[in-house]
Amino acid sequence: MLFSVKTRATLFIVFAVLGAIAALYHLTRVFYTMDASPRWRHIVFVIINLFCVYGVLKRPAWFTWLLGVLLVQQYYSHGLFLLKMWNEQQKIDWISVADLILLPIVLVCLIEDRRSQKH
């Protein structure tokens, strides 16, 4: 196991807080246009982020699979955006970097949590 039970418990709280912050970020983008993304996309991610807060706090078995799908989508979306920003402007989108680093850690914590409950 990569993370102890105590470490995972702490990380799940941190991830829930970060998910709530992400939901607030997307909620502000619904009312204040600051990028090219349509408002409906930000509304969808407010819902997804709040659902993820629930998921990391309650950790139902099916949530691990759902987060895996979200991870693939985020790698596609944020990964392409990160490359585009670097290729066009030589800038690093730190939100994308954080997303691409933290989501796999959340997934590993969920998998380890699931395995520890089976033993």
PDB file of N, CA and C in Angstrom:
ATOM      1  N   MET A   1       0.842  -1.191   0.000  1.00  0.00           N
ATOM      2  CA  MET A   1       0.000   0.000   0.000  1.00  0.00           C
ATOM      3  C   MET A   1       0.886   1.253   0.000  1.00  0.00           C
ATOM      4  N   LEU A   2       0.468   2.205  -0.778  1.00  0.00           N
ATOM      5  CA  LEU A   2       1.203   3.470  -0.833  1.00  0.00           C
ATOM      6  C   LEU A   2       0.878   4.381   0.348  1.00  0.00           C
ATOM      7  N   PHE A   3      -0.388   4.371   0.767  1.00  0.00           N
ATOM      8  CA  PHE A   3      -0.841   5.291   1.810  1.00  0.00           C
ATOM      9  C   PHE A   3      -1.420   4.518   2.987  1.00  0.00           C
ATOM     10  N   SER A   4      -1.060   4.942   4.186  1.00  0.00           N
ATOM     11  CA  SER A   4      -1.630   4.323   5.382  1.00  0.00           C
ATOM     12  C   SER A   4      -3.098   4.734   5.517  1.00  0.00           C
ATOM     13  N   VAL A   5      -3.811   4.040   6.382  1.00  0.00           N
ATOM     14  CA  VAL A   5      -5.220   4.355   6.618  1.00  0.00           C
ATOM     15  C   VAL A   5      -5.360   5.802   7.100  1.00  0.00           C
ATOM     16  N   LYS A   6      -4.482   6.208   8.002  1.00  0.00           N
ATOM     17  CA  LYS A   6      -4.529   7.574   8.544  1.00  0.00           C
ATOM     18  C   LYS A   6      -4.233   8.609   7.453  1.00  0.00           C
ATOM     19  N   THR A   7      -3.256   8.325   6.628  1.00  0.00           N
ATOM     20  CA  THR A   7      -2.912   9.246   5.542  1.00  0.00           C
ATOM     21  C   THR A   7      -4.068   9.366   4.555  1.00  0.00           C
ATOM     22  N   ARG A   8      -4.664   8.224   4.207  1.00  0.00           N
ATOM     23  CA  ARG A   8      -5.810   8.252   3.285  1.00  0.00           C
ATOM     24  C   ARG A   8      -6.953   9.058   3.864  1.00  0.00           C
ATOM     25  N   ALA A   9      -7.235   8.882   5.151  1.00  0.00           N
ATOM     26  CA  ALA A   9      -8.328   9.633   5.779  1.00  0.00           C
ATOM     27  C   ALA A   9      -8.078  11.133   5.673  1.00  0.00           C
ATOM     28  N   THR A  10      -6.841  11.531   5.895  1.00  0.00           N
ATOM     29  CA  THR A  10      -6.481  12.955   5.775  1.00  0.00           C
ATOM     30  C   THR A  10      -6.599  13.420   4.332  1.00  0.00           C
ATOM     31  N   LEU A  11      -6.088  12.610   3.407  1.00  0.00           N
ATOM     32  CA  LEU A  11      -6.141  12.983   1.992  1.00  0.00           C
ATOM     33  C   LEU A  11      -7.578  13.084   1.493  1.00  0.00           C
ATOM     34  N   PHE A  12      -8.453  12.208   1.948  1.00  0.00           N
ATOM     35  CA  PHE A  12      -9.851  12.293   1.517  1.00  0.00           C
ATOM     36  C   PHE A  12     -10.480  13.620   1.949  1.00  0.00           C
ATOM     37  N   ILE A  13     -10.135  14.092   3.126  1.00  0.00           N
ATOM     38  CA  ILE A  13     -10.646  15.397   3.576  1.00  0.00           C
ATOM     39  C   ILE A  13     -10.064  16.508   2.716  1.00  0.00           C
ATOM     40  N   VAL A  14      -8.765  16.436   2.453  1.00  0.00           N
ATOM     41  CA  VAL A  14      -8.117  17.445   1.599  1.00  0.00           C
ATOM     42  C   VAL A  14      -8.752  17.435   0.212  1.00  0.00           C
ATOM     43  N   PHE A  15      -8.979  16.243  -0.350  1.00  0.00           N
ATOM     44  CA  PHE A  15      -9.587  16.139  -1.678  1.00  0.00           C
ATOM     45  C   PHE A  15     -11.007  16.696  -1.684  1.00  0.00           C
ATOM     46  N   ALA A  16     -11.748  16.467  -0.614  1.00  0.00           N
ATOM     47  CA  ALA A  16     -13.111  17.006  -0.522  1.00  0.00           C
ATOM     48  C   ALA A  16     -13.076  18.532  -0.516  1.00  0.00           C
ATOM     49  N   VAL A  17     -12.147  19.102   0.233  1.00  0.00           N
ATOM     50  CA  VAL A  17     -12.006  20.566   0.270  1.00  0.00           C
ATOM     51  C   VAL A  17     -11.619  21.091  -1.115  1.00  0.00           C
ATOM     52  N   LEU A  18     -10.667  20.439  -1.755  1.00  0.00           N
ATOM     53  CA  LEU A  18     -10.254  20.863  -3.099  1.00  0.00           C
ATOM     54  C   LEU A  18     -11.397  20.733  -4.104  1.00  0.00           C
ATOM     55  N   GLY A  19     -12.200  19.685  -3.962  1.00  0.00           N
ATOM     56  CA  GLY A  19     -13.369  19.527  -4.830  1.00  0.00           C
ATOM     57  C   GLY A  19     -14.369  20.653  -4.631  1.00  0.00           C
ATOM     58  N   ALA A  20     -14.558  21.062  -3.373  1.00  0.00           N
ATOM     59  CA  ALA A  20     -15.464  22.177  -3.088  1.00  0.00           C
ATOM     60  C   ALA A  20     -14.915  23.479  -3.674  1.00  0.00           C
ATOM     61  N   ILE A  21     -13.610  23.664  -3.588  1.00  0.00           N
ATOM     62  CA  ILE A  21     -12.983  24.855  -4.174  1.00  0.00           C
ATOM     63  C   ILE A  21     -13.154  24.837  -5.693  1.00  0.00           C
ATOM     64  N   ALA A  22     -12.978  23.670  -6.310  1.00  0.00           N
ATOM     65  CA  ALA A  22     -13.178  23.553  -7.760  1.00  0.00           C
ATOM     66  C   ALA A  22     -14.625  23.870  -8.138  1.00  0.00           C
ATOM     67  N   ALA A  23     -15.572  23.408  -7.316  1.00  0.00           N
ATOM     68  CA  ALA A  23     -16.987  23.718  -7.580  1.00  0.00           C
ATOM     69  C   ALA A  23     -17.216  25.227  -7.508  1.00  0.00           C
ATOM     70  N   LEU A  24     -16.620  25.884  -6.522  1.00  0.00           N
ATOM     71  CA  LEU A  24     -16.751  27.344  -6.412  1.00  0.00           C
ATOM     72  C   LEU A  24     -16.108  28.054  -7.602  1.00  0.00           C
ATOM     73  N   TYR A  25     -14.971  27.556  -8.033  1.00  0.00           N
ATOM     74  CA  TYR A  25     -14.299  28.116  -9.209  1.00  0.00           C
ATOM     75  C   TYR A  25     -15.241  28.058 -10.419  1.00  0.00           C
ATOM     76  N   HIS A  26     -15.819  26.877 -10.664  1.00  0.00           N
ATOM     77  CA  HIS A  26     -16.719  26.736 -11.814  1.00  0.00           C
ATOM     78  C   HIS A  26     -17.996  27.550 -11.627  1.00  0.00           C
ATOM     79  N   LEU A  27     -18.479  27.659 -10.405  1.00  0.00           N
ATOM     80  CA  LEU A  27     -19.669  28.468 -10.148  1.00  0.00           C
ATOM     81  C   LEU A  27     -19.412  29.941 -10.473  1.00  0.00           C
ATOM     82  N   THR A  28     -18.240  30.446 -10.116  1.00  0.00           N
ATOM     83  CA  THR A  28     -17.931  31.846 -10.457  1.00  0.00           C
ATOM     84  C   THR A  28     -17.872  32.032 -11.969  1.00  0.00           C
ATOM     85  N   ARG A  29     -17.408  30.982 -12.685  1.00  0.00           N
ATOM     86  CA  ARG A  29     -17.319  31.077 -14.143  1.00  0.00           C
ATOM     87  C   ARG A  29     -18.703  31.053 -14.801  1.00  0.00           C
ATOM     88  N   VAL A  30     -19.707  30.602 -14.098  1.00  0.00           N
ATOM     89  CA  VAL A  30     -21.077  30.653 -14.621  1.00  0.00           C
ATOM     90  C   VAL A  30     -21.525  32.107 -14.715  1.00  0.00           C
ATOM     91  N   PHE A  31     -21.125  32.912 -13.737  1.00  0.00           N
ATOM     92  CA  PHE A  31     -21.580  34.303 -13.662  1.00  0.00           C
ATOM     93  C   PHE A  31     -20.581  35.299 -14.231  1.00  0.00           C
ATOM     94  N   TYR A  32     -19.297  34.922 -14.249  1.00  0.00           N
ATOM     95  CA  TYR A  32     -18.249  35.812 -14.763  1.00  0.00           C
ATOM     96  C   TYR A  32     -17.463  35.072 -15.828  1.00  0.00           C
ATOM     97  N   THR A  33     -17.680  35.440 -17.080  1.00  0.00           N
ATOM     98  CA  THR A  33     -16.996  34.785 -18.191  1.00  0.00           C
ATOM     99  C   THR A  33     -15.546  35.235 -18.226  1.00  0.00           C
ATOM    100  N   MET A  34     -14.641  34.253 -18.058  1.00  0.00           N
ATOM    101  CA  MET A  34     -13.215  34.572 -18.066  1.00  0.00           C
ATOM    102  C   MET A  34     -12.429  33.666 -19.009  1.00  0.00           C
ATOM    103  N   ASP A  35     -13.146  32.767 -19.666  1.00  0.00           N
ATOM    104  CA  ASP A  35     -12.486  31.886 -20.622  1.00  0.00           C
ATOM    105  C   ASP A  35     -13.470  31.544 -21.743  1.00  0.00           C
ATOM    106  N   ALA A  36     -13.014  30.729 -22.659  1.00  0.00           N
ATOM    107  CA  ALA A  36     -13.847  30.409 -23.829  1.00  0.00           C
ATOM    108  C   ALA A  36     -14.878  29.312 -23.561  1.00  0.00           C
ATOM    109  N   SER A  37     -14.816  28.681 -22.406  1.00  0.00           N
ATOM    110  CA  SER A  37     -15.757  27.598 -22.100  1.00  0.00           C
ATOM    111  C   SER A  37     -17.170  28.139 -21.948  1.00  0.00           C
ATOM    112  N   PRO A  38     -18.150  27.424 -22.483  1.00  0.00           N
ATOM    113  CA  PRO A  38     -19.540  27.869 -22.340  1.00  0.00           C
ATOM    114  C   PRO A  38     -20.013  27.710 -20.888  1.00  0.00           C
ATOM    115  N   ARG A  39     -20.995  28.488 -20.517  1.00  0.00           N
ATOM    116  CA  ARG A  39     -21.519  28.448 -19.146  1.00  0.00           C
ATOM    117  C   ARG A  39     -22.049  27.076 -18.771  1.00  0.00           C
ATOM    118  N   TRP A  40     -22.703  26.401 -19.717  1.00  0.00           N
ATOM    119  CA  TRP A  40     -23.265  25.088 -19.408  1.00  0.00           C
ATOM    120  C   TRP A  40     -22.189  24.112 -18.965  1.00  0.00           C
ATOM    121  N   ARG A  41     -20.984  24.235 -19.540  1.00  0.00           N
ATOM    122  CA  ARG A  41     -19.880  23.342 -19.157  1.00  0.00           C
ATOM    123  C   ARG A  41     -19.487  23.590 -17.708  1.00  0.00           C
ATOM    124  N   HIS A  42     -19.459  24.856 -17.316  1.00  0.00           N
ATOM    125  CA  HIS A  42     -19.122  25.173 -15.920  1.00  0.00           C
ATOM    126  C   HIS A  42     -20.208  24.660 -14.967  1.00  0.00           C
ATOM    127  N   ILE A  43     -21.468  24.744 -15.390  1.00  0.00           N
ATOM    128  CA  ILE A  43     -22.560  24.215 -14.561  1.00  0.00           C
ATOM    129  C   ILE A  43     -22.398  22.704 -14.387  1.00  0.00           C
ATOM    130  N   VAL A  44     -22.074  22.016 -15.472  1.00  0.00           N
ATOM    131  CA  VAL A  44     -21.860  20.567 -15.399  1.00  0.00           C
ATOM    132  C   VAL A  44     -20.736  20.249 -14.404  1.00  0.00           C
ATOM    133  N   PHE A  45     -19.655  21.038 -14.439  1.00  0.00           N
ATOM    134  CA  PHE A  45     -18.539  20.746 -13.539  1.00  0.00           C
ATOM    135  C   PHE A  45     -18.796  21.182 -12.102  1.00  0.00           C
ATOM    136  N   VAL A  46     -19.686  22.107 -11.881  1.00  0.00           N
ATOM    137  CA  VAL A  46     -20.120  22.386 -10.496  1.00  0.00           C
ATOM    138  C   VAL A  46     -20.760  21.120  -9.941  1.00  0.00           C
ATOM    139  N   ILE A  47     -21.630  20.521 -10.721  1.00  0.00           N
ATOM    140  CA  ILE A  47     -22.323  19.301 -10.290  1.00  0.00           C
ATOM    141  C   ILE A  47     -21.330  18.152 -10.106  1.00  0.00           C
ATOM    142  N   ILE A  48     -20.439  17.970 -11.058  1.00  0.00           N
ATOM    143  CA  ILE A  48     -19.441  16.896 -10.977  1.00  0.00           C
ATOM    144  C   ILE A  48     -18.553  17.090  -9.750  1.00  0.00           C
ATOM    145  N   ASN A  49     -18.083  18.320  -9.524  1.00  0.00           N
ATOM    146  CA  ASN A  49     -17.218  18.573  -8.380  1.00  0.00           C
ATOM    147  C   ASN A  49     -17.923  18.303  -7.056  1.00  0.00           C
ATOM    148  N   LEU A  50     -19.172  18.720  -6.949  1.00  0.00           N
ATOM    149  CA  LEU A  50     -19.923  18.461  -5.715  1.00  0.00           C
ATOM    150  C   LEU A  50     -20.166  16.970  -5.536  1.00  0.00           C
ATOM    151  N   PHE A  51     -20.408  16.278  -6.627  1.00  0.00           N
ATOM    152  CA  PHE A  51     -20.583  14.837  -6.572  1.00  0.00           C
ATOM    153  C   PHE A  51     -19.288  14.162  -6.112  1.00  0.00           C
ATOM    154  N   CYS A  52     -18.153  14.688  -6.555  1.00  0.00           N
ATOM    155  CA  CYS A  52     -16.859  14.147  -6.138  1.00  0.00           C
ATOM    156  C   CYS A  52     -16.600  14.402  -4.652  1.00  0.00           C
ATOM    157  N   VAL A  53     -17.037  15.540  -4.151  1.00  0.00           N
ATOM    158  CA  VAL A  53     -16.925  15.802  -2.704  1.00  0.00           C
ATOM    159  C   VAL A  53     -17.666  14.710  -1.947  1.00  0.00           C
ATOM    160  N   TYR A  54     -18.890  14.452  -2.364  1.00  0.00           N
ATOM    161  CA  TYR A  54     -19.674  13.372  -1.756  1.00  0.00           C
ATOM    162  C   TYR A  54     -18.926  12.039  -1.887  1.00  0.00           C
ATOM    163  N   GLY A  55     -18.421  11.757  -3.066  1.00  0.00           N
ATOM    164  CA  GLY A  55     -17.774  10.478  -3.341  1.00  0.00           C
ATOM    165  C   GLY A  55     -16.548  10.216  -2.491  1.00  0.00           C
ATOM    166  N   VAL A  56     -15.703  11.227  -2.313  1.00  0.00           N
ATOM    167  CA  VAL A  56     -14.494  10.988  -1.513  1.00  0.00           C
ATOM    168  C   VAL A  56     -14.801  10.947  -0.020  1.00  0.00           C
ATOM    169  N   LEU A  57     -15.894  11.562   0.390  1.00  0.00           N
ATOM    170  CA  LEU A  57     -16.254  11.500   1.807  1.00  0.00           C
ATOM    171  C   LEU A  57     -16.994  10.205   2.154  1.00  0.00           C
ATOM    172  N   LYS A  58     -17.901   9.762   1.296  1.00  0.00           N
ATOM    173  CA  LYS A  58     -18.702   8.556   1.567  1.00  0.00           C
ATOM    174  C   LYS A  58     -18.098   7.293   0.951  1.00  0.00           C
ATOM    175  N   ARG A  59     -17.382   7.445  -0.132  1.00  0.00           N
ATOM    176  CA  ARG A  59     -16.684   6.377  -0.833  1.00  0.00           C
ATOM    177  C   ARG A  59     -17.529   5.137  -1.158  1.00  0.00           C
ATOM    178  N   PRO A  60     -18.649   5.316  -1.852  1.00  0.00           N
ATOM    179  CA  PRO A  60     -19.385   4.128  -2.308  1.00  0.00           C
ATOM    180  C   PRO A  60     -18.540   3.359  -3.325  1.00  0.00           C
ATOM    181  N   ALA A  61     -18.753   2.060  -3.418  1.00  0.00           N
ATOM    182  CA  ALA A  61     -17.912   1.199  -4.278  1.00  0.00           C
ATOM    183  C   ALA A  61     -17.883   1.666  -5.730  1.00  0.00           C
ATOM    184  N   TRP A  62     -19.019   2.067  -6.264  1.00  0.00           N
ATOM    185  CA  TRP A  62     -19.102   2.466  -7.671  1.00  0.00           C
ATOM    186  C   TRP A  62     -18.362   3.775  -7.963  1.00  0.00           C
ATOM    187  N   PHE A  63     -18.087   4.572  -6.916  1.00  0.00           N
ATOM    188  CA  PHE A  63     -17.441   5.866  -7.143  1.00  0.00           C
ATOM    189  C   PHE A  63     -16.026   5.711  -7.691  1.00  0.00           C
ATOM    190  N   THR A  64     -15.338   4.646  -7.315  1.00  0.00           N
ATOM    191  CA  THR A  64     -13.985   4.422  -7.824  1.00  0.00           C
ATOM    192  C   THR A  64     -14.002   4.326  -9.350  1.00  0.00           C
ATOM    193  N   TRP A  65     -14.976   3.603  -9.895  1.00  0.00           N
ATOM    194  CA  TRP A  65     -15.097   3.471 -11.352  1.00  0.00           C
ATOM    195  C   TRP A  65     -15.446   4.810 -11.998  1.00  0.00           C
ATOM    196  N   LEU A  66     -16.344   5.535 -11.360  1.00  0.00           N
ATOM    197  CA  LEU A  66     -16.748   6.833 -11.891  1.00  0.00           C
ATOM    198  C   LEU A  66     -15.567   7.807 -11.903  1.00  0.00           C
ATOM    199  N   LEU A  67     -14.771   7.790 -10.839  1.00  0.00           N
ATOM    200  CA  LEU A  67     -13.603   8.663 -10.790  1.00  0.00           C
ATOM    201  C   LEU A  67     -12.583   8.253 -11.857  1.00  0.00           C
ATOM    202  N   GLY A  68     -12.487   6.960 -12.131  1.00  0.00           N
ATOM    203  CA  GLY A  68     -11.601   6.507 -13.203  1.00  0.00           C
ATOM    204  C   GLY A  68     -12.000   7.086 -14.550  1.00  0.00           C
ATOM    205  N   VAL A  69     -13.296   7.120 -14.817  1.00  0.00           N
ATOM    206  CA  VAL A  69     -13.799   7.719 -16.062  1.00  0.00           C
ATOM    207  C   VAL A  69     -13.504   9.221 -16.069  1.00  0.00           C
ATOM    208  N   LEU A  70     -13.748   9.880 -14.945  1.00  0.00           N
ATOM    209  CA  LEU A  70     -13.456  11.317 -14.848  1.00  0.00           C
ATOM    210  C   LEU A  70     -11.972  11.584 -15.054  1.00  0.00           C
ATOM    211  N   LEU A  71     -11.124  10.716 -14.525  1.00  0.00           N
ATOM    212  CA  LEU A  71      -9.685  10.875 -14.691  1.00  0.00           C
ATOM    213  C   LEU A  71      -9.301  10.853 -16.166  1.00  0.00           C
ATOM    214  N   VAL A  72      -9.863   9.924 -16.923  1.00  0.00           N
ATOM    215  CA  VAL A  72      -9.580   9.844 -18.363  1.00  0.00           C
ATOM    216  C   VAL A  72     -10.042  11.132 -19.053  1.00  0.00           C
ATOM    217  N   GLN A  73     -11.247  11.593 -18.719  1.00  0.00           N
ATOM    218  CA  GLN A  73     -11.777  12.818 -19.324  1.00  0.00           C
ATOM    219  C   GLN A  73     -10.897  14.015 -18.986  1.00  0.00           C
ATOM    220  N   GLN A  74     -10.446  14.093 -17.740  1.00  0.00           N
ATOM    221  CA  GLN A  74      -9.623  15.218 -17.322  1.00  0.00           C
ATOM    222  C   GLN A  74      -8.243  15.187 -17.976  1.00  0.00           C
ATOM    223  N   TYR A  75      -7.684  13.986 -18.135  1.00  0.00           N
ATOM    224  CA  TYR A  75      -6.400  13.893 -18.836  1.00  0.00           C
ATOM    225  C   TYR A  75      -6.547  14.347 -20.282  1.00  0.00           C
ATOM    226  N   TYR A  76      -7.654  14.000 -20.893  1.00  0.00           N
ATOM    227  CA  TYR A  76      -7.902  14.455 -22.261  1.00  0.00           C
ATOM    228  C   TYR A  76      -8.080  15.972 -22.288  1.00  0.00           C
ATOM    229  N   SER A  77      -8.974  16.485 -21.464  1.00  0.00           N
ATOM    230  CA  SER A  77      -9.313  17.914 -21.483  1.00  0.00           C
ATOM    231  C   SER A  77      -8.165  18.784 -20.964  1.00  0.00           C
ATOM    232  N   HIS A  78      -7.753  18.555 -19.733  1.00  0.00           N
ATOM    233  CA  HIS A  78      -6.691  19.386 -19.146  1.00  0.00           C
ATOM    234  C   HIS A  78      -5.337  19.092 -19.790  1.00  0.00           C
ATOM    235  N   GLY A  79      -5.120  17.836 -20.176  1.00  0.00           N
ATOM    236  CA  GLY A  79      -3.853  17.501 -20.831  1.00  0.00           C
ATOM    237  C   GLY A  79      -3.685  18.230 -22.149  1.00  0.00           C
ATOM    238  N   LEU A  80      -4.741  18.216 -22.968  1.00  0.00           N
ATOM    239  CA  LEU A  80      -4.676  18.944 -24.242  1.00  0.00           C
ATOM    240  C   LEU A  80      -4.540  20.449 -24.021  1.00  0.00           C
ATOM    241  N   PHE A  81      -5.275  20.978 -23.032  1.00  0.00           N
ATOM    242  CA  PHE A  81      -5.195  22.414 -22.752  1.00  0.00           C
ATOM    243  C   PHE A  81      -3.796  22.792 -22.285  1.00  0.00           C
ATOM    244  N   LEU A  82      -3.204  21.960 -21.447  1.00  0.00           N
ATOM    245  CA  LEU A  82      -1.844  22.210 -20.953  1.00  0.00           C
ATOM    246  C   LEU A  82      -0.854  22.260 -22.117  1.00  0.00           C
ATOM    247  N   LEU A  83      -0.970  21.296 -23.025  1.00  0.00           N
ATOM    248  CA  LEU A  83      -0.090  21.282 -24.198  1.00  0.00           C
ATOM    249  C   LEU A  83      -0.324  22.490 -25.095  1.00  0.00           C
ATOM    250  N   LYS A  84      -1.588  22.850 -25.288  1.00  0.00           N
ATOM    251  CA  LYS A  84      -1.921  24.002 -26.130  1.00  0.00           C
ATOM    252  C   LYS A  84      -1.337  25.288 -25.550  1.00  0.00           C
ATOM    253  N   MET A  85      -1.513  25.475 -24.243  1.00  0.00           N
ATOM    254  CA  MET A  85      -0.982  26.688 -23.598  1.00  0.00           C
ATOM    255  C   MET A  85       0.541  26.753 -23.739  1.00  0.00           C
ATOM    256  N   TRP A  86       1.192  25.619 -23.572  1.00  0.00           N
ATOM    257  CA  TRP A  86       2.644  25.600 -23.662  1.00  0.00           C
ATOM    258  C   TRP A  86       3.103  25.849 -25.107  1.00  0.00           C
ATOM    259  N   ASN A  87       2.455  25.185 -26.056  1.00  0.00           N
ATOM    260  CA  ASN A  87       2.858  25.329 -27.461  1.00  0.00           C
ATOM    261  C   ASN A  87       2.585  26.724 -28.006  1.00  0.00           C
ATOM    262  N   GLU A  88       1.468  27.340 -27.590  1.00  0.00           N
ATOM    263  CA  GLU A  88       1.096  28.642 -28.145  1.00  0.00           C
ATOM    264  C   GLU A  88       1.670  29.821 -27.373  1.00  0.00           C
ATOM    265  N   GLN A  89       1.794  29.690 -26.053  1.00  0.00           N
ATOM    266  CA  GLN A  89       2.180  30.844 -25.234  1.00  0.00           C
ATOM    267  C   GLN A  89       3.368  30.578 -24.311  1.00  0.00           C
ATOM    268  N   GLN A  90       3.898  29.358 -24.320  1.00  0.00           N
ATOM    269  CA  GLN A  90       4.963  28.958 -23.407  1.00  0.00           C
ATOM    270  C   GLN A  90       4.587  29.259 -21.947  1.00  0.00           C
ATOM    271  N   LYS A  91       3.320  29.038 -21.632  1.00  0.00           N
ATOM    272  CA  LYS A  91       2.812  29.220 -20.271  1.00  0.00           C
ATOM    273  C   LYS A  91       2.346  27.881 -19.729  1.00  0.00           C
ATOM    274  N   ILE A  92       2.453  27.742 -18.423  1.00  0.00           N
ATOM    275  CA  ILE A  92       1.986  26.535 -17.754  1.00  0.00           C
ATOM    276  C   ILE A  92       0.666  26.846 -17.060  1.00  0.00           C
ATOM    277  N   ASP A  93      -0.339  26.055 -17.346  1.00  0.00           N
ATOM    278  CA  ASP A  93      -1.625  26.181 -16.668  1.00  0.00           C
ATOM    279  C   ASP A  93      -1.556  25.337 -15.405  1.00  0.00           C
ATOM    280  N   TRP A  94      -1.330  25.995 -14.276  1.00  0.00           N
ATOM    281  CA  TRP A  94      -1.092  25.286 -13.018  1.00  0.00           C
ATOM    282  C   TRP A  94      -2.326  24.548 -12.506  1.00  0.00           C
ATOM    283  N   ILE A  95      -3.498  25.013 -12.851  1.00  0.00           N
ATOM    284  CA  ILE A  95      -4.714  24.285 -12.468  1.00  0.00           C
ATOM    285  C   ILE A  95      -4.727  22.922 -13.164  1.00  0.00           C
ATOM    286  N   SER A  96      -4.377  22.909 -14.436  1.00  0.00           N
ATOM    287  CA  SER A  96      -4.313  21.639 -15.163  1.00  0.00           C
ATOM    288  C   SER A  96      -3.244  20.723 -14.581  1.00  0.00           C
ATOM    289  N   VAL A  97      -2.095  21.274 -14.255  1.00  0.00           N
ATOM    290  CA  VAL A  97      -1.018  20.473 -13.655  1.00  0.00           C
ATOM    291  C   VAL A  97      -1.501  19.844 -12.349  1.00  0.00           C
ATOM    292  N   ALA A  98      -2.126  20.661 -11.491  1.00  0.00           N
ATOM    293  CA  ALA A  98      -2.628  20.152 -10.214  1.00  0.00           C
ATOM    294  C   ALA A  98      -3.672  19.059 -10.433  1.00  0.00           C
ATOM    295  N   ASP A  99      -4.565  19.284 -11.363  1.00  0.00           N
ATOM    296  CA  ASP A  99      -5.615  18.311 -11.666  1.00  0.00           C
ATOM    297  C   ASP A  99      -5.014  16.985 -12.132  1.00  0.00           C
ATOM    298  N   LEU A 100      -4.039  17.061 -13.015  1.00  0.00           N
ATOM    299  CA  LEU A 100      -3.438  15.856 -13.585  1.00  0.00           C
ATOM    300  C   LEU A 100      -2.566  15.108 -12.581  1.00  0.00           C
ATOM    301  N   ILE A 101      -2.084  15.796 -11.564  1.00  0.00           N
ATOM    302  CA  ILE A 101      -1.292  15.144 -10.513  1.00  0.00           C
ATOM    303  C   ILE A 101      -2.200  14.586  -9.411  1.00  0.00           C
ATOM    304  N   LEU A 102      -3.193  15.371  -9.006  1.00  0.00           N
ATOM    305  CA  LEU A 102      -4.008  14.986  -7.850  1.00  0.00           C
ATOM    306  C   LEU A 102      -5.040  13.899  -8.143  1.00  0.00           C
ATOM    307  N   LEU A 103      -5.651  13.917  -9.313  1.00  0.00           N
ATOM    308  CA  LEU A 103      -6.681  12.915  -9.604  1.00  0.00           C
ATOM    309  C   LEU A 103      -6.168  11.476  -9.542  1.00  0.00           C
ATOM    310  N   PRO A 104      -4.981  11.170 -10.072  1.00  0.00           N
ATOM    311  CA  PRO A 104      -4.489   9.793  -9.907  1.00  0.00           C
ATOM    312  C   PRO A 104      -4.248   9.425  -8.437  1.00  0.00           C
ATOM    313  N   ILE A 105      -3.832  10.392  -7.632  1.00  0.00           N
ATOM    314  CA  ILE A 105      -3.627  10.129  -6.210  1.00  0.00           C
ATOM    315  C   ILE A 105      -4.958   9.806  -5.533  1.00  0.00           C
ATOM    316  N   VAL A 106      -5.999  10.552  -5.895  1.00  0.00           N
ATOM    317  CA  VAL A 106      -7.333  10.262  -5.362  1.00  0.00           C
ATOM    318  C   VAL A 106      -7.745   8.847  -5.758  1.00  0.00           C
ATOM    319  N   LEU A 107      -7.531   8.489  -7.012  1.00  0.00           N
ATOM    320  CA  LEU A 107      -7.913   7.158  -7.489  1.00  0.00           C
ATOM    321  C   LEU A 107      -7.153   6.064  -6.735  1.00  0.00           C
ATOM    322  N   VAL A 108      -5.863   6.251  -6.542  1.00  0.00           N
ATOM    323  CA  VAL A 108      -5.074   5.267  -5.791  1.00  0.00           C
ATOM    324  C   VAL A 108      -5.608   5.144  -4.366  1.00  0.00           C
ATOM    325  N   CYS A 109      -5.916   6.265  -3.724  1.00  0.00           N
ATOM    326  CA  CYS A 109      -6.472   6.230  -2.366  1.00  0.00           C
ATOM    327  C   CYS A 109      -7.797   5.473  -2.331  1.00  0.00           C
ATOM    328  N   LEU A 110      -8.646   5.700  -3.315  1.00  0.00           N
ATOM    329  CA  LEU A 110      -9.927   4.995  -3.376  1.00  0.00           C
ATOM    330  C   LEU A 110      -9.729   3.495  -3.565  1.00  0.00           C
ATOM    331  N   ILE A 111      -8.814   3.120  -4.437  1.00  0.00           N
ATOM    332  CA  ILE A 111      -8.546   1.697  -4.680  1.00  0.00           C
ATOM    333  C   ILE A 111      -8.000   1.046  -3.413  1.00  0.00           C
ATOM    334  N   GLU A 112      -7.044   1.707  -2.774  1.00  0.00           N
ATOM    335  CA  GLU A 112      -6.470   1.158  -1.546  1.00  0.00           C
ATOM    336  C   GLU A 112      -7.512   1.076  -0.437  1.00  0.00           C
ATOM    337  N   ASP A 113      -8.372   2.065  -0.341  1.00  0.00           N
ATOM    338  CA  ASP A 113      -9.427   2.062   0.661  1.00  0.00           C
ATOM    339  C   ASP A 113     -10.364   0.881   0.433  1.00  0.00           C
ATOM    340  N   ARG A 114     -10.715   0.631  -0.822  1.00  0.00           N
ATOM    341  CA  ARG A 114     -11.601  -0.471  -1.183  1.00  0.00           C
ATOM    342  C   ARG A 114     -10.953  -1.806  -0.808  1.00  0.00           C
ATOM    343  N   ARG A 115      -9.668  -1.947  -1.147  1.00  0.00           N
ATOM    344  CA  ARG A 115      -8.954  -3.202  -0.854  1.00  0.00           C
ATOM    345  C   ARG A 115      -8.833  -3.431   0.642  1.00  0.00           C
ATOM    346  N   SER A 116      -8.599  -2.376   1.407  1.00  0.00           N
ATOM    347  CA  SER A 116      -8.451  -2.546   2.863  1.00  0.00           C
ATOM    348  C   SER A 116      -9.774  -2.936   3.519  1.00  0.00           C
ATOM    349  N   GLN A 117     -10.886  -2.565   2.928  1.00  0.00           N
ATOM    350  CA  GLN A 117     -12.198  -2.926   3.469  1.00  0.00           C
ATOM    351  C   GLN A 117     -12.536  -4.395   3.192  1.00  0.00           C
ATOM    352  N   LYS A 118     -11.923  -4.970   2.170  1.00  0.00           N
ATOM    353  CA  LYS A 118     -12.181  -6.374   1.831  1.00  0.00           C
ATOM    354  C   LYS A 118     -11.438  -7.323   2.748  1.00  0.00           C
ATOM    355  N   HIS A 119     -10.386  -6.844   3.404  1.00  0.00           N
ATOM    356  CA  HIS A 119      -9.572  -7.723   4.268  1.00  0.00           C
ATOM    357  C   HIS A 119     -10.022  -7.669   5.697  1.00  0.00           C
TER     358      HIS A 119
END
